PDB file of N, CA and C in Angstrom:
ATOM      1  N   MET A   1     -35.286 103.327 -50.406  1.00  0.00           N
ATOM      2  CA  MET A   1     -35.581 101.911 -50.538  1.00  0.00           C
ATOM      3  C   MET A   1     -37.102 101.759 -50.596  1.00  0.00           C
ATOM      4  N   THR A   2     -37.548 101.027 -51.587  1.00  0.00           N
ATOM      5  CA  THR A   2     -38.984 100.807 -51.724  1.00  0.00           C
ATOM      6  C   THR A   2     -39.470  99.789 -50.693  1.00  0.00           C
ATOM      7  N   GLU A   3     -40.774  99.753 -50.522  1.00  0.00           N
ATOM      8  CA  GLU A   3     -41.368  98.788 -49.597  1.00  0.00           C
ATOM      9  C   GLU A   3     -41.071  97.350 -50.040  1.00  0.00           C
ATOM     10  N   GLY A   4     -41.089  97.110 -51.355  1.00  0.00           N
ATOM     11  CA  GLY A   4     -40.805  95.779 -51.879  1.00  0.00           C
ATOM     12  C   GLY A   4     -39.380  95.333 -51.609  1.00  0.00           C
ATOM     13  N   VAL A   5     -38.434  96.254 -51.766  1.00  0.00           N
ATOM     14  CA  VAL A   5     -37.032  95.930 -51.489  1.00  0.00           C
ATOM     15  C   VAL A   5     -36.847  95.681 -50.000  1.00  0.00           C
ATOM     16  N   PHE A   6     -37.474  96.510 -49.160  1.00  0.00           N
ATOM     17  CA  PHE A   6     -37.362  96.310 -47.719  1.00  0.00           C
ATOM     18  C   PHE A   6     -37.929  94.950 -47.317  1.00  0.00           C
ATOM     19  N   GLU A   7     -39.047  94.572 -47.913  1.00  0.00           N
ATOM     20  CA  GLU A   7     -39.646  93.267 -47.632  1.00  0.00           C
ATOM     21  C   GLU A   7     -38.680  92.135 -47.994  1.00  0.00           C
ATOM     22  N   MET A   8     -38.020  92.248 -49.147  1.00  0.00           N
ATOM     23  CA  MET A   8     -37.059  91.224 -49.560  1.00  0.00           C
ATOM     24  C   MET A   8     -35.820  91.237 -48.674  1.00  0.00           C
ATOM     25  N   LEU A   9     -35.388  92.412 -48.245  1.00  0.00           N
ATOM     26  CA  LEU A   9     -34.240  92.504 -47.345  1.00  0.00           C
ATOM     27  C   LEU A   9     -34.546  91.806 -46.028  1.00  0.00           C
ATOM     28  N   ARG A  10     -35.716  92.068 -45.492  1.00  0.00           N
ATOM     29  CA  ARG A  10     -36.121  91.417 -44.245  1.00  0.00           C
ATOM     30  C   ARG A  10     -36.192  89.900 -44.431  1.00  0.00           C
ATOM     31  N   ALA A  11     -36.762  89.460 -45.549  1.00  0.00           N
ATOM     32  CA  ALA A  11     -36.838  88.024 -45.832  1.00  0.00           C
ATOM     33  C   ALA A  11     -35.442  87.430 -45.976  1.00  0.00           C
ATOM     34  N   ALA A  12     -34.556  88.134 -46.661  1.00  0.00           N
ATOM     35  CA  ALA A  12     -33.189  87.636 -46.862  1.00  0.00           C
ATOM     36  C   ALA A  12     -32.460  87.458 -45.540  1.00  0.00           C
ATOM     37  N   VAL A  13     -32.561  88.452 -44.674  1.00  0.00           N
ATOM     38  CA  VAL A  13     -31.887  88.368 -43.369  1.00  0.00           C
ATOM     39  C   VAL A  13     -32.442  87.199 -42.567  1.00  0.00           C
ATOM     40  N   ASN A  14     -33.746  87.060 -42.534  1.00  0.00           N
ATOM     41  CA  ASN A  14     -34.352  85.971 -41.762  1.00  0.00           C
ATOM     42  C   ASN A  14     -34.003  84.600 -42.331  1.00  0.00           C
ATOM     43  N   ILE A  15     -34.071  84.457 -43.642  1.00  0.00           N
ATOM     44  CA  ILE A  15     -33.741  83.170 -44.263  1.00  0.00           C
ATOM     45  C   ILE A  15     -32.274  82.827 -44.023  1.00  0.00           C
ATOM     46  N   ALA A  16     -31.394  83.789 -44.233  1.00  0.00           N
ATOM     47  CA  ALA A  16     -29.962  83.537 -44.012  1.00  0.00           C
ATOM     48  C   ALA A  16     -29.700  83.138 -42.571  1.00  0.00           C
ATOM     49  N   ARG A  17     -30.349  83.802 -41.652  1.00  0.00           N
ATOM     50  CA  ARG A  17     -30.139  83.519 -40.231  1.00  0.00           C
ATOM     51  C   ARG A  17     -30.679  82.143 -39.852  1.00  0.00           C
ATOM     52  N   PHE A  18     -31.932  81.887 -40.182  1.00  0.00           N
ATOM     53  CA  PHE A  18     -32.571  80.656 -39.720  1.00  0.00           C
ATOM     54  C   PHE A  18     -32.085  79.410 -40.454  1.00  0.00           C
ATOM     55  N   GLN A  19     -31.663  79.566 -41.705  1.00  0.00           N
ATOM     56  CA  GLN A  19     -31.153  78.418 -42.455  1.00  0.00           C
ATOM     57  C   GLN A  19     -29.630  78.387 -42.472  1.00  0.00           C
ATOM     58  N   GLN A  20     -29.020  79.325 -41.795  1.00  0.00           N
ATOM     59  CA  GLN A  20     -27.561  79.430 -41.701  1.00  0.00           C
ATOM     60  C   GLN A  20     -26.905  79.422 -43.080  1.00  0.00           C
ATOM     61  N   ILE A  21     -27.456  80.226 -43.972  1.00  0.00           N
ATOM     62  CA  ILE A  21     -26.919  80.357 -45.325  1.00  0.00           C
ATOM     63  C   ILE A  21     -25.773  81.354 -45.293  1.00  0.00           C
ATOM     64  N   ARG A  22     -24.646  80.984 -45.866  1.00  0.00           N
ATOM     65  CA  ARG A  22     -23.449  81.826 -45.850  1.00  0.00           C
ATOM     66  C   ARG A  22     -23.060  82.363 -47.227  1.00  0.00           C
ATOM     67  N   LYS A  23     -23.634  81.802 -48.285  1.00  0.00           N
ATOM     68  CA  LYS A  23     -23.269  82.208 -49.644  1.00  0.00           C
ATOM     69  C   LYS A  23     -24.403  83.010 -50.278  1.00  0.00           C
ATOM     70  N   VAL A  24     -24.033  84.093 -50.925  1.00  0.00           N
ATOM     71  CA  VAL A  24     -25.021  84.955 -51.572  1.00  0.00           C
ATOM     72  C   VAL A  24     -25.775  84.189 -52.654  1.00  0.00           C
ATOM     73  N   THR A  25     -25.084  83.364 -53.411  1.00  0.00           N
ATOM     74  CA  THR A  25     -25.751  82.618 -54.487  1.00  0.00           C
ATOM     75  C   THR A  25     -26.809  81.669 -53.931  1.00  0.00           C
ATOM     76  N   THR A  26     -26.513  81.044 -52.806  1.00  0.00           N
ATOM     77  CA  THR A  26     -27.475  80.141 -52.170  1.00  0.00           C
ATOM     78  C   THR A  26     -28.673  80.923 -51.648  1.00  0.00           C
ATOM     79  N   LEU A  27     -28.404  82.057 -51.030  1.00  0.00           N
ATOM     80  CA  LEU A  27     -29.483  82.896 -50.505  1.00  0.00           C
ATOM     81  C   LEU A  27     -30.359  83.407 -51.642  1.00  0.00           C
ATOM     82  N   ARG A  28     -29.731  83.879 -52.713  1.00  0.00           N
ATOM     83  CA  ARG A  28     -30.507  84.395 -53.839  1.00  0.00           C
ATOM     84  C   ARG A  28     -31.390  83.300 -54.433  1.00  0.00           C
ATOM     85  N   ALA A  29     -30.851  82.101 -54.579  1.00  0.00           N
ATOM     86  CA  ALA A  29     -31.630  80.987 -55.124  1.00  0.00           C
ATOM     87  C   ALA A  29     -32.833  80.680 -54.239  1.00  0.00           C
ATOM     88  N   GLU A  30     -32.652  80.725 -52.940  1.00  0.00           N
ATOM     89  CA  GLU A  30     -33.762  80.467 -52.013  1.00  0.00           C
ATOM     90  C   GLU A  30     -34.813  81.569 -52.100  1.00  0.00           C
ATOM     91  N   LEU A  31     -34.376  82.813 -52.204  1.00  0.00           N
ATOM     92  CA  LEU A  31     -35.329  83.922 -52.345  1.00  0.00           C
ATOM     93  C   LEU A  31     -36.114  83.812 -53.650  1.00  0.00           C
ATOM     94  N   VAL A  32     -35.429  83.477 -54.736  1.00  0.00           N
ATOM     95  CA  VAL A  32     -36.109  83.322 -56.027  1.00  0.00           C
ATOM     96  C   VAL A  32     -37.092  82.157 -55.976  1.00  0.00           C
ATOM     97  N   ARG A  33     -36.726  81.096 -55.286  1.00  0.00           N
ATOM     98  CA  ARG A  33     -37.638  79.953 -55.146  1.00  0.00           C
ATOM     99  C   ARG A  33     -38.908  80.371 -54.407  1.00  0.00           C
ATOM    100  N   ARG A  34     -38.749  81.168 -53.359  1.00  0.00           N
ATOM    101  CA  ARG A  34     -39.905  81.588 -52.557  1.00  0.00           C
ATOM    102  C   ARG A  34     -40.691  82.737 -53.187  1.00  0.00           C
ATOM    103  N   PHE A  35     -39.996  83.593 -53.899  1.00  0.00           N
ATOM    104  CA  PHE A  35     -40.614  84.789 -54.486  1.00  0.00           C
ATOM    105  C   PHE A  35     -40.228  84.878 -55.967  1.00  0.00           C
ATOM    106  N   PRO A  36     -40.765  84.002 -56.812  1.00  0.00           N
ATOM    107  CA  PRO A  36     -40.284  83.884 -58.192  1.00  0.00           C
ATOM    108  C   PRO A  36     -40.484  85.126 -59.066  1.00  0.00           C
ATOM    109  N   ASP A  37     -41.399  85.984 -58.733  1.00  0.00           N
ATOM    110  CA  ASP A  37     -41.668  87.157 -59.570  1.00  0.00           C
ATOM    111  C   ASP A  37     -41.046  88.435 -59.023  1.00  0.00           C
ATOM    112  N   ARG A  38     -40.068  88.302 -58.126  1.00  0.00           N
ATOM    113  CA  ARG A  38     -39.521  89.480 -57.446  1.00  0.00           C
ATOM    114  C   ARG A  38     -38.022  89.637 -57.660  1.00  0.00           C
ATOM    115  N   ASN A  39     -37.518  89.247 -58.820  1.00  0.00           N
ATOM    116  CA  ASN A  39     -36.072  89.268 -59.077  1.00  0.00           C
ATOM    117  C   ASN A  39     -35.437  90.633 -58.848  1.00  0.00           C
ATOM    118  N   GLU A  40     -36.078  91.688 -59.309  1.00  0.00           N
ATOM    119  CA  GLU A  40     -35.497  93.026 -59.157  1.00  0.00           C
ATOM    120  C   GLU A  40     -35.415  93.420 -57.678  1.00  0.00           C
ATOM    121  N   ASP A  41     -36.483  93.170 -56.930  1.00  0.00           N
ATOM    122  CA  ASP A  41     -36.466  93.472 -55.494  1.00  0.00           C
ATOM    123  C   ASP A  41     -35.417  92.636 -54.771  1.00  0.00           C
ATOM    124  N   ILE A  42     -35.282  91.380 -55.155  1.00  0.00           N
ATOM    125  CA  ILE A  42     -34.289  90.494 -54.541  1.00  0.00           C
ATOM    126  C   ILE A  42     -32.881  91.028 -54.788  1.00  0.00           C
ATOM    127  N   ASP A  43     -32.588  91.372 -56.026  1.00  0.00           N
ATOM    128  CA  ASP A  43     -31.248  91.882 -56.348  1.00  0.00           C
ATOM    129  C   ASP A  43     -30.960  93.194 -55.621  1.00  0.00           C
ATOM    130  N   ASP A  44     -31.954  94.078 -55.562  1.00  0.00           N
ATOM    131  CA  ASP A  44     -31.760  95.354 -54.865  1.00  0.00           C
ATOM    132  C   ASP A  44     -31.570  95.144 -53.365  1.00  0.00           C
ATOM    133  N   ALA A  45     -32.287  94.190 -52.796  1.00  0.00           N
ATOM    134  CA  ALA A  45     -32.149  93.903 -51.368  1.00  0.00           C
ATOM    135  C   ALA A  45     -30.772  93.328 -51.057  1.00  0.00           C
ATOM    136  N   ILE A  46     -30.301  92.417 -51.873  1.00  0.00           N
ATOM    137  CA  ILE A  46     -28.970  91.834 -51.667  1.00  0.00           C
ATOM    138  C   ILE A  46     -27.899  92.910 -51.801  1.00  0.00           C
ATOM    139  N   LEU A  47     -28.053  93.790 -52.768  1.00  0.00           N
ATOM    140  CA  LEU A  47     -27.103  94.888 -52.937  1.00  0.00           C
ATOM    141  C   LEU A  47     -27.121  95.822 -51.724  1.00  0.00           C
ATOM    142  N   ALA A  48     -28.297  96.134 -51.219  1.00  0.00           N
ATOM    143  CA  ALA A  48     -28.396  97.000 -50.036  1.00  0.00           C
ATOM    144  C   ALA A  48     -27.714  96.353 -48.841  1.00  0.00           C
ATOM    145  N   TRP A  49     -27.916  95.067 -48.655  1.00  0.00           N
ATOM    146  CA  TRP A  49     -27.292  94.361 -47.531  1.00  0.00           C
ATOM    147  C   TRP A  49     -25.773  94.334 -47.704  1.00  0.00           C
ATOM    148  N   ALA A  50     -25.327  94.073 -48.919  1.00  0.00           N
ATOM    149  CA  ALA A  50     -23.880  94.051 -49.183  1.00  0.00           C
ATOM    150  C   ALA A  50     -23.255  95.418 -48.912  1.00  0.00           C
ATOM    151  N   ASN A  51     -23.921  96.479 -49.347  1.00  0.00           N
ATOM    152  CA  ASN A  51     -23.410  97.827 -49.090  1.00  0.00           C
ATOM    153  C   ASN A  51     -23.357  98.123 -47.599  1.00  0.00           C
ATOM    154  N   TYR A  52     -24.368  97.690 -46.869  1.00  0.00           N
ATOM    155  CA  TYR A  52     -24.386  97.887 -45.423  1.00  0.00           C
ATOM    156  C   TYR A  52     -23.217  97.148 -44.768  1.00  0.00           C
ATOM    157  N   GLU A  53     -23.027  95.894 -45.134  1.00  0.00           N
ATOM    158  CA  GLU A  53     -21.941  95.106 -44.549  1.00  0.00           C
ATOM    159  C   GLU A  53     -20.582  95.718 -44.881  1.00  0.00           C
ATOM    160  N   GLN A  54     -20.430  96.197 -46.092  1.00  0.00           N
ATOM    161  CA  GLN A  54     -19.170  96.814 -46.492  1.00  0.00           C
ATOM    162  C   GLN A  54     -18.919  98.098 -45.704  1.00  0.00           C
ATOM    163  N   SER A  55     -19.952  98.862 -45.453  1.00  0.00           N
ATOM    164  CA  SER A  55     -19.787 100.133 -44.734  1.00  0.00           C
ATOM    165  C   SER A  55     -19.412  99.930 -43.273  1.00  0.00           C
ATOM    166  N   LYS A  56     -19.739  98.797 -42.709  1.00  0.00           N
ATOM    167  CA  LYS A  56     -19.402  98.532 -41.301  1.00  0.00           C
ATOM    168  C   LYS A  56     -17.901  98.442 -41.095  1.00  0.00           C
ATOM    169  N   GLY A  57     -17.185  98.050 -42.122  1.00  0.00           N
ATOM    170  CA  GLY A  57     -15.747  97.877 -42.000  1.00  0.00           C
ATOM    171  C   GLY A  57     -14.940  99.113 -42.333  1.00  0.00           C
ATOM    172  N   ARG A  58     -15.610 100.189 -42.704  1.00  0.00           N
ATOM    173  CA  ARG A  58     -14.904 101.400 -43.134  1.00  0.00           C
ATOM    174  C   ARG A  58     -15.056 102.513 -42.103  1.00  0.00           C
ATOM    175  N   PRO A  59     -13.947 103.026 -41.622  1.00  0.00           N
ATOM    176  CA  PRO A  59     -14.058 104.189 -40.731  1.00  0.00           C
ATOM    177  C   PRO A  59     -14.433 105.428 -41.537  1.00  0.00           C
ATOM    178  N   ASP A  60     -15.162 106.327 -40.921  1.00  0.00           N
ATOM    179  CA  ASP A  60     -15.575 107.565 -41.613  1.00  0.00           C
ATOM    180  C   ASP A  60     -14.477 108.575 -41.685  1.00  0.00           C
TER     181      ASP A  60
END
């Protein structure tokens, strides 16, 4: 994970938590509004978070 993706992941988690955002589309729109030139990092961060959440539900 690049530093830019990690930065967006941290921002995504904080924004979702503090604004109580539950929908990915809403979160992505807020991230794009705040960081308009970071679409690739935003998408990669959302994908990383989704993969993490999915892995929590799977036994090894």
